[in-house]
C-alpha atoms as a PDB file:
ATOM      1  CA  UNK A   1     -32.317  57.718  64.392  1.00  0.00           C
ATOM      2  CA  UNK A   2     -30.058  57.374  67.400  1.00  0.00           C
ATOM      3  CA  UNK A   3     -30.380  56.573  71.075  1.00  0.00           C
ATOM      4  CA  UNK A   4     -28.969  58.936  73.684  1.00  0.00           C
ATOM      5  CA  UNK A   5     -28.595  57.167  76.997  1.00  0.00           C
ATOM      6  CA  UNK A   6     -29.067  59.014  80.253  1.00  0.00           C
ATOM      7  CA  UNK A   7     -28.217  57.309  83.527  1.00  0.00           C
ATOM      8  CA  UNK A   8     -31.738  56.022  84.182  1.00  0.00           C
ATOM      9  CA  UNK A   9     -32.111  54.678  80.641  1.00  0.00           C
ATOM     10  CA  UNK A  10     -28.673  53.108  80.879  1.00  0.00           C
ATOM     11  CA  UNK A  11     -29.642  51.249  84.032  1.00  0.00           C
ATOM     12  CA  UNK A  12     -32.728  49.776  82.341  1.00  0.00           C
ATOM     13  CA  UNK A  13     -31.037  48.944  79.062  1.00  0.00           C
ATOM     14  CA  UNK A  14     -27.933  47.650  80.808  1.00  0.00           C
ATOM     15  CA  UNK A  15     -30.014  45.226  82.827  1.00  0.00           C
ATOM     16  CA  UNK A  16     -31.779  44.024  79.697  1.00  0.00           C
ATOM     17  CA  UNK A  17     -28.561  43.511  77.754  1.00  0.00           C
ATOM     18  CA  UNK A  18     -27.120  41.536  80.640  1.00  0.00           C
ATOM     19  CA  UNK A  19     -29.699  38.809  80.045  1.00  0.00           C
ATOM     20  CA  UNK A  20     -28.065  35.790  78.408  1.00  0.00           C
ATOM     21  CA  UNK A  21     -30.775  35.647  75.753  1.00  0.00           C
ATOM     22  CA  UNK A  22     -29.747  38.943  74.187  1.00  0.00           C
ATOM     23  CA  UNK A  23     -26.211  39.537  75.434  1.00  0.00           C
ATOM     24  CA  UNK A  24     -23.697  39.646  72.604  1.00  0.00           C
ATOM     25  CA  UNK A  25     -21.256  36.770  72.221  1.00  0.00           C
ATOM     26  CA  UNK A  26     -17.597  37.589  71.673  1.00  0.00           C
ATOM     27  CA  UNK A  27     -17.336  38.529  67.990  1.00  0.00           C
ATOM     28  CA  UNK A  28     -13.582  38.505  67.356  1.00  0.00           C
ATOM     29  CA  UNK A  29     -11.380  35.766  68.775  1.00  0.00           C
ATOM     30  CA  UNK A  30      -8.104  37.688  68.900  1.00  0.00           C
ATOM     31  CA  UNK A  31      -6.868  41.056  70.113  1.00  0.00           C
ATOM     32  CA  UNK A  32      -8.621  43.878  68.279  1.00  0.00           C
ATOM     33  CA  UNK A  33      -7.312  47.368  67.580  1.00  0.00           C
ATOM     34  CA  UNK A  34      -9.279  50.612  67.827  1.00  0.00           C
ATOM     35  CA  UNK A  35      -7.507  52.974  65.443  1.00  0.00           C
ATOM     36  CA  UNK A  36      -7.637  56.714  66.142  1.00  0.00           C
ATOM     37  CA  UNK A  37      -5.993  59.591  64.313  1.00  0.00           C
ATOM     38  CA  UNK A  38      -5.178  61.898  67.198  1.00  0.00           C
ATOM     39  CA  UNK A  39      -2.553  61.998  69.972  1.00  0.00           C
ATOM     40  CA  UNK A  40      -2.724  60.189  73.292  1.00  0.00           C
ATOM     41  CA  UNK A  41      -4.424  62.138  76.053  1.00  0.00           C
ATOM     42  CA  UNK A  42      -6.933  63.898  73.809  1.00  0.00           C
ATOM     43  CA  UNK A  43     -10.653  63.252  73.886  1.00  0.00           C
ATOM     44  CA  UNK A  44     -10.524  60.815  70.962  1.00  0.00           C
ATOM     45  CA  UNK A  45      -7.946  58.726  72.798  1.00  0.00           C
ATOM     46  CA  UNK A  46      -9.810  58.901  76.126  1.00  0.00           C
ATOM     47  CA  UNK A  47     -13.101  57.748  74.592  1.00  0.00           C
ATOM     48  CA  UNK A  48     -11.389  54.928  72.679  1.00  0.00           C
ATOM     49  CA  UNK A  49      -9.755  53.687  75.890  1.00  0.00           C
ATOM     50  CA  UNK A  50     -13.063  53.799  77.753  1.00  0.00           C
ATOM     51  CA  UNK A  51     -14.578  51.560  75.076  1.00  0.00           C
ATOM     52  CA  UNK A  52     -11.509  49.315  74.790  1.00  0.00           C
ATOM     53  CA  UNK A  53     -11.665  48.539  78.498  1.00  0.00           C
ATOM     54  CA  UNK A  54     -15.361  47.655  78.453  1.00  0.00           C
ATOM     55  CA  UNK A  55     -15.457  45.836  75.108  1.00  0.00           C
ATOM     56  CA  UNK A  56     -12.950  43.299  76.458  1.00  0.00           C
ATOM     57  CA  UNK A  57     -14.629  39.911  76.560  1.00  0.00           C
ATOM     58  CA  UNK A  58     -17.685  41.271  74.744  1.00  0.00           C
ATOM     59  CA  UNK A  59     -16.342  42.110  71.302  1.00  0.00           C
ATOM     60  CA  UNK A  60     -12.838  40.613  71.540  1.00  0.00           C
ATOM     61  CA  UNK A  61     -10.671  38.990  74.229  1.00  0.00           C
ATOM     62  CA  UNK A  62      -8.741  42.261  74.478  1.00  0.00           C
ATOM     63  CA  UNK A  63      -8.577  45.583  72.666  1.00  0.00           C
ATOM     64  CA  UNK A  64      -5.788  48.123  72.290  1.00  0.00           C
ATOM     65  CA  UNK A  65      -5.911  51.720  71.112  1.00  0.00           C
ATOM     66  CA  UNK A  66      -3.685  52.257  68.083  1.00  0.00           C
ATOM     67  CA  UNK A  67      -2.834  55.898  67.374  1.00  0.00           C
ATOM     68  CA  UNK A  68      -2.099  56.593  63.714  1.00  0.00           C
ATOM     69  CA  UNK A  69      -1.472  60.309  64.011  1.00  0.00           C
ATOM     70  CA  UNK A  70      -0.945  62.629  61.063  1.00  0.00           C
ATOM     71  CA  UNK A  71      -2.581  64.509  58.189  1.00  0.00           C
ATOM     72  CA  UNK A  72      -5.277  65.851  60.492  1.00  0.00           C
ATOM     73  CA  UNK A  73      -6.554  62.320  61.161  1.00  0.00           C
ATOM     74  CA  UNK A  74      -6.617  61.102  57.573  1.00  0.00           C
ATOM     75  CA  UNK A  75      -3.791  58.593  58.059  1.00  0.00           C
ATOM     76  CA  UNK A  76      -5.914  56.655  60.542  1.00  0.00           C
ATOM     77  CA  UNK A  77      -8.877  56.509  58.162  1.00  0.00           C
ATOM     78  CA  UNK A  78      -6.699  55.285  55.299  1.00  0.00           C
ATOM     79  CA  UNK A  79      -5.064  52.691  57.552  1.00  0.00           C
ATOM     80  CA  UNK A  80      -8.430  51.155  58.461  1.00  0.00           C
ATOM     81  CA  UNK A  81      -9.609  51.379  54.860  1.00  0.00           C
ATOM     82  CA  UNK A  82      -6.750  49.034  53.951  1.00  0.00           C
ATOM     83  CA  UNK A  83      -6.880  46.854  57.080  1.00  0.00           C
ATOM     84  CA  UNK A  84      -7.973  43.246  57.584  1.00  0.00           C
ATOM     85  CA  UNK A  85     -11.661  42.626  57.036  1.00  0.00           C
ATOM     86  CA  UNK A  86     -12.095  40.239  59.952  1.00  0.00           C
ATOM     87  CA  UNK A  87     -13.214  42.729  62.595  1.00  0.00           C
ATOM     88  CA  UNK A  88      -9.827  42.861  64.298  1.00  0.00           C
ATOM     89  CA  UNK A  89      -9.357  46.524  63.311  1.00  0.00           C
ATOM     90  CA  UNK A  90     -11.939  49.280  63.492  1.00  0.00           C
ATOM     91  CA  UNK A  91     -11.795  53.030  63.252  1.00  0.00           C
ATOM     92  CA  UNK A  92     -13.008  55.503  65.834  1.00  0.00           C
ATOM     93  CA  UNK A  93     -13.115  58.952  64.287  1.00  0.00           C
ATOM     94  CA  UNK A  94     -14.728  62.357  64.725  1.00  0.00           C
ATOM     95  CA  UNK A  95     -17.554  63.203  62.348  1.00  0.00           C
ATOM     96  CA  UNK A  96     -15.596  65.917  60.585  1.00  0.00           C
ATOM     97  CA  UNK A  97     -13.136  63.410  59.119  1.00  0.00           C
ATOM     98  CA  UNK A  98     -15.979  61.865  57.131  1.00  0.00           C
ATOM     99  CA  UNK A  99     -18.496  64.674  56.648  1.00  0.00           C
ATOM    100  CA  UNK A 100     -16.515  67.928  56.530  1.00  0.00           C
ATOM    101  CA  UNK A 101     -12.977  67.174  55.403  1.00  0.00           C
ATOM    102  CA  UNK A 102     -14.046  65.824  51.986  1.00  0.00           C
ATOM    103  CA  UNK A 103     -15.169  69.405  51.238  1.00  0.00           C
ATOM    104  CA  UNK A 104     -12.376  71.218  53.089  1.00  0.00           C
ATOM    105  CA  UNK A 105      -9.520  69.116  51.684  1.00  0.00           C
ATOM    106  CA  UNK A 106     -10.959  67.626  48.475  1.00  0.00           C
ATOM    107  CA  UNK A 107      -7.534  66.839  46.985  1.00  0.00           C
ATOM    108  CA  UNK A 108      -6.096  65.324  50.160  1.00  0.00           C
ATOM    109  CA  UNK A 109      -9.029  63.115  51.186  1.00  0.00           C
ATOM    110  CA  UNK A 110      -8.563  59.751  49.490  1.00  0.00           C
ATOM    111  CA  UNK A 111     -11.413  57.805  51.030  1.00  0.00           C
ATOM    112  CA  UNK A 112     -15.187  57.672  50.983  1.00  0.00           C
ATOM    113  CA  UNK A 113     -16.857  56.754  54.268  1.00  0.00           C
ATOM    114  CA  UNK A 114     -19.721  55.008  52.499  1.00  0.00           C
ATOM    115  CA  UNK A 115     -17.775  52.927  49.985  1.00  0.00           C
ATOM    116  CA  UNK A 116     -14.310  52.386  51.496  1.00  0.00           C
ATOM    117  CA  UNK A 117     -15.636  51.823  55.020  1.00  0.00           C
ATOM    118  CA  UNK A 118     -18.725  50.390  56.700  1.00  0.00           C
ATOM    119  CA  UNK A 119     -20.349  52.746  59.207  1.00  0.00           C
ATOM    120  CA  UNK A 120     -21.309  50.841  62.363  1.00  0.00           C
ATOM    121  CA  UNK A 121     -22.499  53.342  64.966  1.00  0.00           C
ATOM    122  CA  UNK A 122     -21.818  56.549  66.775  1.00  0.00           C
ATOM    123  CA  UNK A 123     -20.193  55.909  70.154  1.00  0.00           C
ATOM    124  CA  UNK A 124     -20.850  59.349  71.670  1.00  0.00           C
ATOM    125  CA  UNK A 125     -21.982  62.843  70.729  1.00  0.00           C
ATOM    126  CA  UNK A 126     -21.137  66.298  72.046  1.00  0.00           C
ATOM    127  CA  UNK A 127     -22.350  69.802  71.222  1.00  0.00           C
ATOM    128  CA  UNK A 128     -20.688  73.083  70.388  1.00  0.00           C
ATOM    129  CA  UNK A 129     -21.192  76.366  72.182  1.00  0.00           C
ATOM    130  CA  UNK A 130     -21.002  80.087  71.436  1.00  0.00           C
ATOM    131  CA  UNK A 131     -19.174  81.797  74.301  1.00  0.00           C
ATOM    132  CA  UNK A 132     -18.032  85.296  75.209  1.00  0.00           C
ATOM    133  CA  UNK A 133     -15.782  86.578  78.013  1.00  0.00           C
ATOM    134  CA  UNK A 134     -17.481  86.968  81.378  1.00  0.00           C
ATOM    135  CA  UNK A 135     -16.846  90.716  81.083  1.00  0.00           C
ATOM    136  CA  UNK A 136     -18.731  90.986  77.771  1.00  0.00           C
ATOM    137  CA  UNK A 137     -21.893  93.134  77.870  1.00  0.00           C
ATOM    138  CA  UNK A 138     -23.955  90.526  75.990  1.00  0.00           C
ATOM    139  CA  UNK A 139     -25.858  88.197  78.295  1.00  0.00           C
ATOM    140  CA  UNK A 140     -27.853  86.447  75.563  1.00  0.00           C
ATOM    141  CA  UNK A 141     -27.352  85.455  71.954  1.00  0.00           C
ATOM    142  CA  UNK A 142     -29.724  88.203  70.810  1.00  0.00           C
ATOM    143  CA  UNK A 143     -27.720  90.787  72.735  1.00  0.00           C
ATOM    144  CA  UNK A 144     -24.527  89.439  71.179  1.00  0.00           C
ATOM    145  CA  UNK A 145     -25.980  89.870  67.687  1.00  0.00           C
ATOM    146  CA  UNK A 146     -26.997  93.461  68.524  1.00  0.00           C
ATOM    147  CA  UNK A 147     -23.535  94.174  69.912  1.00  0.00           C
ATOM    148  CA  UNK A 148     -21.795  92.730  66.859  1.00  0.00           C
ATOM    149  CA  UNK A 149     -23.987  94.766  64.504  1.00  0.00           C
ATOM    150  CA  UNK A 150     -23.093  97.931  66.407  1.00  0.00           C
ATOM    151  CA  UNK A 151     -19.331  97.498  65.973  1.00  0.00           C
ATOM    152  CA  UNK A 152     -17.711  99.813  63.408  1.00  0.00           C
ATOM    153  CA  UNK A 153     -15.620  97.140  61.678  1.00  0.00           C
ATOM    154  CA  UNK A 154     -15.129  93.414  61.390  1.00  0.00           C
ATOM    155  CA  UNK A 155     -15.066  91.540  64.703  1.00  0.00           C
ATOM    156  CA  UNK A 156     -12.841  88.486  65.276  1.00  0.00           C
ATOM    157  CA  UNK A 157     -14.194  85.150  66.390  1.00  0.00           C
ATOM    158  CA  UNK A 158     -12.067  82.171  67.290  1.00  0.00           C
ATOM    159  CA  UNK A 159     -12.319  78.431  66.718  1.00  0.00           C
ATOM    160  CA  UNK A 160      -9.922  75.592  67.575  1.00  0.00           C
ATOM    161  CA  UNK A 161      -8.755  75.215  63.957  1.00  0.00           C
ATOM    162  CA  UNK A 162      -9.192  76.448  60.423  1.00  0.00           C
ATOM    163  CA  UNK A 163     -11.532  74.199  58.455  1.00  0.00           C
ATOM    164  CA  UNK A 164     -13.127  72.759  61.602  1.00  0.00           C
ATOM    165  CA  UNK A 165     -16.834  72.434  62.306  1.00  0.00           C
ATOM    166  CA  UNK A 166     -16.752  75.341  64.823  1.00  0.00           C
ATOM    167  CA  UNK A 167     -15.092  77.501  62.152  1.00  0.00           C
ATOM    168  CA  UNK A 168     -17.938  76.909  59.721  1.00  0.00           C
ATOM    169  CA  UNK A 169     -20.572  77.223  62.438  1.00  0.00           C
ATOM    170  CA  UNK A 170     -19.218  80.719  62.993  1.00  0.00           C
ATOM    171  CA  UNK A 171     -19.448  81.368  59.257  1.00  0.00           C
ATOM    172  CA  UNK A 172     -23.074  80.166  59.251  1.00  0.00           C
ATOM    173  CA  UNK A 173     -23.836  82.380  62.267  1.00  0.00           C
ATOM    174  CA  UNK A 174     -22.350  85.440  60.566  1.00  0.00           C
ATOM    175  CA  UNK A 175     -24.219  84.822  57.327  1.00  0.00           C
ATOM    176  CA  UNK A 176     -27.535  84.165  59.079  1.00  0.00           C
ATOM    177  CA  UNK A 177     -27.463  87.490  60.931  1.00  0.00           C
ATOM    178  CA  UNK A 178     -25.584  89.570  58.369  1.00  0.00           C
ATOM    179  CA  UNK A 179     -22.583  90.063  60.651  1.00  0.00           C
ATOM    180  CA  UNK A 180     -19.048  91.130  59.748  1.00  0.00           C
ATOM    181  CA  UNK A 181     -16.893  88.529  61.450  1.00  0.00           C
ATOM    182  CA  UNK A 182     -13.288  87.534  60.814  1.00  0.00           C
ATOM    183  CA  UNK A 183     -12.238  84.003  61.670  1.00  0.00           C
ATOM    184  CA  UNK A 184      -9.156  83.609  63.873  1.00  0.00           C
ATOM    185  CA  UNK A 185      -7.990  79.977  63.830  1.00  0.00           C
ATOM    186  CA  UNK A 186      -6.086  78.636  66.817  1.00  0.00           C
ATOM    187  CA  UNK A 187      -4.015  75.515  67.249  1.00  0.00           C
ATOM    188  CA  UNK A 188      -6.474  73.817  69.558  1.00  0.00           C
ATOM    189  CA  UNK A 189      -9.072  74.992  72.029  1.00  0.00           C
ATOM    190  CA  UNK A 190      -6.828  75.599  75.049  1.00  0.00           C
ATOM    191  CA  UNK A 191      -5.073  78.767  73.815  1.00  0.00           C
ATOM    192  CA  UNK A 192      -8.316  80.088  72.333  1.00  0.00           C
ATOM    193  CA  UNK A 193     -10.194  79.685  75.613  1.00  0.00           C
ATOM    194  CA  UNK A 194      -7.285  81.289  77.467  1.00  0.00           C
ATOM    195  CA  UNK A 195      -7.549  84.356  75.228  1.00  0.00           C
ATOM    196  CA  UNK A 196     -11.326  84.378  75.613  1.00  0.00           C
ATOM    197  CA  UNK A 197     -11.115  84.338  79.402  1.00  0.00           C
ATOM    198  CA  UNK A 198      -8.418  87.001  79.252  1.00  0.00           C
ATOM    199  CA  UNK A 199     -10.738  89.274  77.287  1.00  0.00           C
ATOM    200  CA  UNK A 200      -8.550  89.240  74.183  1.00  0.00           C
ATOM    201  CA  UNK A 201     -11.304  87.617  72.103  1.00  0.00           C
ATOM    202  CA  UNK A 202     -14.962  88.659  71.970  1.00  0.00           C
ATOM    203  CA  UNK A 203     -16.342  85.320  70.738  1.00  0.00           C
ATOM    204  CA  UNK A 204     -15.323  81.678  70.744  1.00  0.00           C
ATOM    205  CA  UNK A 205     -17.119  78.872  68.913  1.00  0.00           C
ATOM    206  CA  UNK A 206     -16.032  75.426  70.051  1.00  0.00           C
ATOM    207  CA  UNK A 207     -16.793  72.190  71.846  1.00  0.00           C
ATOM    208  CA  UNK A 208     -18.875  72.627  74.992  1.00  0.00           C
ATOM    209  CA  UNK A 209     -16.468  70.680  77.186  1.00  0.00           C
ATOM    210  CA  UNK A 210     -13.557  72.927  76.204  1.00  0.00           C
ATOM    211  CA  UNK A 211     -15.147  76.074  77.621  1.00  0.00           C
ATOM    212  CA  UNK A 212     -17.708  74.809  80.165  1.00  0.00           C
ATOM    213  CA  UNK A 213     -15.226  74.778  83.098  1.00  0.00           C
ATOM    214  CA  UNK A 214     -14.985  78.560  82.681  1.00  0.00           C
ATOM    215  CA  UNK A 215     -18.739  79.150  82.423  1.00  0.00           C
ATOM    216  CA  UNK A 216     -19.878  81.540  85.120  1.00  0.00           C
ATOM    217  CA  UNK A 217     -16.364  82.666  85.965  1.00  0.00           C
ATOM    218  CA  UNK A 218     -14.072  83.596  83.078  1.00  0.00           C
ATOM    219  CA  UNK A 219     -16.520  82.955  80.254  1.00  0.00           C
ATOM    220  CA  UNK A 220     -20.224  82.964  79.513  1.00  0.00           C
ATOM    221  CA  UNK A 221     -21.847  80.401  77.214  1.00  0.00           C
ATOM    222  CA  UNK A 222     -24.747  82.010  75.371  1.00  0.00           C
ATOM    223  CA  UNK A 223     -26.081  78.998  73.457  1.00  0.00           C
ATOM    224  CA  UNK A 224     -25.339  75.342  72.781  1.00  0.00           C
ATOM    225  CA  UNK A 225     -26.006  73.402  69.603  1.00  0.00           C
ATOM    226  CA  UNK A 226     -27.481  70.225  71.095  1.00  0.00           C
ATOM    227  CA  UNK A 227     -31.130  69.250  70.741  1.00  0.00           C
ATOM    228  CA  UNK A 228     -31.739  69.622  74.478  1.00  0.00           C
ATOM    229  CA  UNK A 229     -30.305  71.760  77.266  1.00  0.00           C
ATOM    230  CA  UNK A 230     -27.450  70.326  79.264  1.00  0.00           C
ATOM    231  CA  UNK A 231     -28.761  69.835  82.831  1.00  0.00           C
ATOM    232  CA  UNK A 232     -25.403  70.924  84.242  1.00  0.00           C
ATOM    233  CA  UNK A 233     -25.733  74.261  82.459  1.00  0.00           C
ATOM    234  CA  UNK A 234     -29.477  74.689  82.562  1.00  0.00           C
ATOM    235  CA  UNK A 235     -29.152  78.455  82.146  1.00  0.00           C
ATOM    236  CA  UNK A 236     -27.727  78.027  78.632  1.00  0.00           C
ATOM    237  CA  UNK A 237     -30.437  77.721  75.930  1.00  0.00           C
ATOM    238  CA  UNK A 238     -30.159  75.619  72.801  1.00  0.00           C
ATOM    239  CA  UNK A 239     -29.965  77.172  69.373  1.00  0.00           C
ATOM    240  CA  UNK A 240     -33.189  75.378  68.460  1.00  0.00           C
ATOM    241  CA  UNK A 241     -35.220  76.881  71.287  1.00  0.00           C
ATOM    242  CA  UNK A 242     -33.876  80.305  70.348  1.00  0.00           C
ATOM    243  CA  UNK A 243     -35.338  79.759  66.891  1.00  0.00           C
ATOM    244  CA  UNK A 244     -32.083  78.881  65.120  1.00  0.00           C
ATOM    245  CA  UNK A 245     -32.446  75.159  64.436  1.00  0.00           C
ATOM    246  CA  UNK A 246     -30.208  75.546  61.384  1.00  0.00           C
ATOM    247  CA  UNK A 247     -27.321  76.139  63.817  1.00  0.00           C
ATOM    248  CA  UNK A 248     -28.079  72.946  65.763  1.00  0.00           C
ATOM    249  CA  UNK A 249     -25.109  70.807  64.826  1.00  0.00           C
ATOM    250  CA  UNK A 250     -23.240  68.442  67.092  1.00  0.00           C
ATOM    251  CA  UNK A 251     -20.102  66.384  66.720  1.00  0.00           C
ATOM    252  CA  UNK A 252     -19.769  62.652  67.236  1.00  0.00           C
ATOM    253  CA  UNK A 253     -17.188  59.945  67.416  1.00  0.00           C
ATOM    254  CA  UNK A 254     -18.155  56.971  65.287  1.00  0.00           C
ATOM    255  CA  UNK A 255     -17.005  53.408  64.719  1.00  0.00           C
ATOM    256  CA  UNK A 256     -16.378  52.104  61.193  1.00  0.00           C
ATOM    257  CA  UNK A 257     -14.987  48.873  59.742  1.00  0.00           C
ATOM    258  CA  UNK A 258     -13.196  48.274  56.426  1.00  0.00           C
ATOM    259  CA  UNK A 259     -15.457  47.728  53.433  1.00  0.00           C
ATOM    260  CA  UNK A 260     -15.917  44.026  52.819  1.00  0.00           C
ATOM    261  CA  UNK A 261     -16.163  43.088  56.488  1.00  0.00           C
ATOM    262  CA  UNK A 262     -18.840  40.351  56.872  1.00  0.00           C
ATOM    263  CA  UNK A 263     -22.283  41.551  57.956  1.00  0.00           C
ATOM    264  CA  UNK A 264     -22.224  39.332  61.042  1.00  0.00           C
ATOM    265  CA  UNK A 265     -19.155  41.164  62.334  1.00  0.00           C
ATOM    266  CA  UNK A 266     -20.682  44.555  61.557  1.00  0.00           C
ATOM    267  CA  UNK A 267     -23.804  43.639  63.507  1.00  0.00           C
ATOM    268  CA  UNK A 268     -21.692  42.142  66.287  1.00  0.00           C
ATOM    269  CA  UNK A 269     -19.685  45.330  66.730  1.00  0.00           C
ATOM    270  CA  UNK A 270     -22.869  47.409  66.707  1.00  0.00           C
ATOM    271  CA  UNK A 271     -24.446  45.216  69.394  1.00  0.00           C
ATOM    272  CA  UNK A 272     -21.254  45.295  71.457  1.00  0.00           C
ATOM    273  CA  UNK A 273     -21.065  49.099  71.328  1.00  0.00           C
ATOM    274  CA  UNK A 274     -24.731  49.357  72.296  1.00  0.00           C
ATOM    275  CA  UNK A 275     -24.147  47.076  75.257  1.00  0.00           C
ATOM    276  CA  UNK A 276     -21.152  49.074  76.493  1.00  0.00           C
ATOM    277  CA  UNK A 277     -22.824  52.448  75.922  1.00  0.00           C
ATOM    278  CA  UNK A 278     -25.658  51.310  78.186  1.00  0.00           C
ATOM    279  CA  UNK A 279     -23.347  50.617  81.124  1.00  0.00           C
ATOM    280  CA  UNK A 280     -24.005  53.222  83.840  1.00  0.00           C
ATOM    281  CA  UNK A 281     -20.305  53.697  84.523  1.00  0.00           C
ATOM    282  CA  UNK A 282     -19.721  54.342  80.818  1.00  0.00           C
ATOM    283  CA  UNK A 283     -22.539  56.900  80.709  1.00  0.00           C
ATOM    284  CA  UNK A 284     -21.044  58.614  83.768  1.00  0.00           C
ATOM    285  CA  UNK A 285     -17.503  58.576  82.342  1.00  0.00           C
ATOM    286  CA  UNK A 286     -18.672  60.215  79.117  1.00  0.00           C
ATOM    287  CA  UNK A 287     -20.744  62.760  81.015  1.00  0.00           C
ATOM    288  CA  UNK A 288     -17.623  63.861  82.860  1.00  0.00           C
ATOM    289  CA  UNK A 289     -16.198  64.784  79.452  1.00  0.00           C
ATOM    290  CA  UNK A 290     -19.473  66.628  78.595  1.00  0.00           C
ATOM    291  CA  UNK A 291     -20.189  63.829  76.072  1.00  0.00           C
ATOM    292  CA  UNK A 292     -23.340  61.736  75.729  1.00  0.00           C
ATOM    293  CA  UNK A 293     -23.420  57.976  75.187  1.00  0.00           C
ATOM    294  CA  UNK A 294     -25.227  57.882  71.855  1.00  0.00           C
ATOM    295  CA  UNK A 295     -25.723  54.795  69.716  1.00  0.00           C
ATOM    296  CA  UNK A 296     -27.101  54.694  66.169  1.00  0.00           C
ATOM    297  CA  UNK A 297     -30.242  52.602  65.807  1.00  0.00           C
ATOM    298  CA  UNK A 298     -28.486  50.495  63.159  1.00  0.00           C
ATOM    299  CA  UNK A 299     -25.466  50.627  60.861  1.00  0.00           C
ATOM    300  CA  UNK A 300     -27.798  51.728  58.052  1.00  0.00           C
ATOM    301  CA  UNK A 301     -29.037  54.643  60.145  1.00  0.00           C
ATOM    302  CA  UNK A 302     -25.458  55.671  60.883  1.00  0.00           C
ATOM    303  CA  UNK A 303     -24.589  55.541  57.182  1.00  0.00           C
ATOM    304  CA  UNK A 304     -27.612  57.713  56.419  1.00  0.00           C
ATOM    305  CA  UNK A 305     -26.472  60.242  59.010  1.00  0.00           C
ATOM    306  CA  UNK A 306     -23.003  60.445  57.478  1.00  0.00           C
ATOM    307  CA  UNK A 307     -24.471  60.950  54.016  1.00  0.00           C
ATOM    308  CA  UNK A 308     -26.890  63.632  55.238  1.00  0.00           C
ATOM    309  CA  UNK A 309     -24.295  65.598  57.177  1.00  0.00           C
ATOM    310  CA  UNK A 310     -21.743  65.358  54.380  1.00  0.00           C
ATOM    311  CA  UNK A 311     -24.306  66.775  51.972  1.00  0.00           C
ATOM    312  CA  UNK A 312     -25.193  69.582  54.409  1.00  0.00           C
ATOM    313  CA  UNK A 313     -21.600  70.728  54.878  1.00  0.00           C
ATOM    314  CA  UNK A 314     -20.845  70.929  51.156  1.00  0.00           C
ATOM    315  CA  UNK A 315     -22.587  74.227  50.333  1.00  0.00           C
ATOM    316  CA  UNK A 316     -21.487  75.780  53.631  1.00  0.00           C
ATOM    317  CA  UNK A 317     -17.815  75.207  52.829  1.00  0.00           C
ATOM    318  CA  UNK A 318     -18.219  76.158  49.172  1.00  0.00           C
ATOM    319  CA  UNK A 319     -20.066  79.415  49.903  1.00  0.00           C
ATOM    320  CA  UNK A 320     -17.518  80.404  52.551  1.00  0.00           C
ATOM    321  CA  UNK A 321     -14.741  80.653  49.972  1.00  0.00           C
ATOM    322  CA  UNK A 322     -12.416  78.751  52.303  1.00  0.00           C
ATOM    323  CA  UNK A 323      -9.094  77.688  50.790  1.00  0.00           C
ATOM    324  CA  UNK A 324      -6.835  75.336  52.781  1.00  0.00           C
ATOM    325  CA  UNK A 325      -3.263  76.492  53.234  1.00  0.00           C
ATOM    326  CA  UNK A 326      -1.879  73.029  52.502  1.00  0.00           C
END
């Protein structure tokens, strides 16, 4: 179970958490580090800085974002795995590092999210979207499927990276509808969306926020993978309401501590994240990124989510026949 906070809910919960009786006391008494595995300026860095600013004086006297870039994010996970167990270091990572990469890179991944780390909570979630160029004849997902079936050969679809969640969502989509699709991996979403808008790609599967600025002009989003429609793009249906709940997968950033961290610190970080996620300005800042402030009901619930999603991705990756180049 998790709690997604809209602005109205954030106002109510924020007021409640401001009460001295339930407000969290500062958990760590020295500067804490939020470790991320991706470069400055990216969404992982932006979200970590939003939390670092607001967790000051709540979780620790100050927090800094510590980028440990390399090995597709694995260096950051391993760094926190081996870090101090006093709450002064915690990991913020995308879901795929913990749920997908163990299947994609089984020889390279040298950590287990449920034994080497302690899951604390999601800090935000965001959906994926299936998008075509604005000039494409398909104006719905059903029309896209019909168009793809009518093509004489294999049709390319793009994702931001080989072995990413959007890559395997495209694989699931092709298998579900019996389509002949060829995956074209890009080095990030920006060049892929540029080629989509330019009409050089017929289909892009990626994060909503990467393509939404082009929706209605250079691109057309046909479906999103969240549980509910995004009110800013109310014309775009969810996969679930189209009858394809098996394609309803979202991504999240989550917070984890090193295994062996005392339970009081784990609970303190969870409460601190919940308090910050309820702040209206935090909800608004995440919404501008097309993210939702989403907090796990408890660390145990977050651990269960990681286990469930890791189990779900296993057969998808295995049946795809994917082999990493490295």
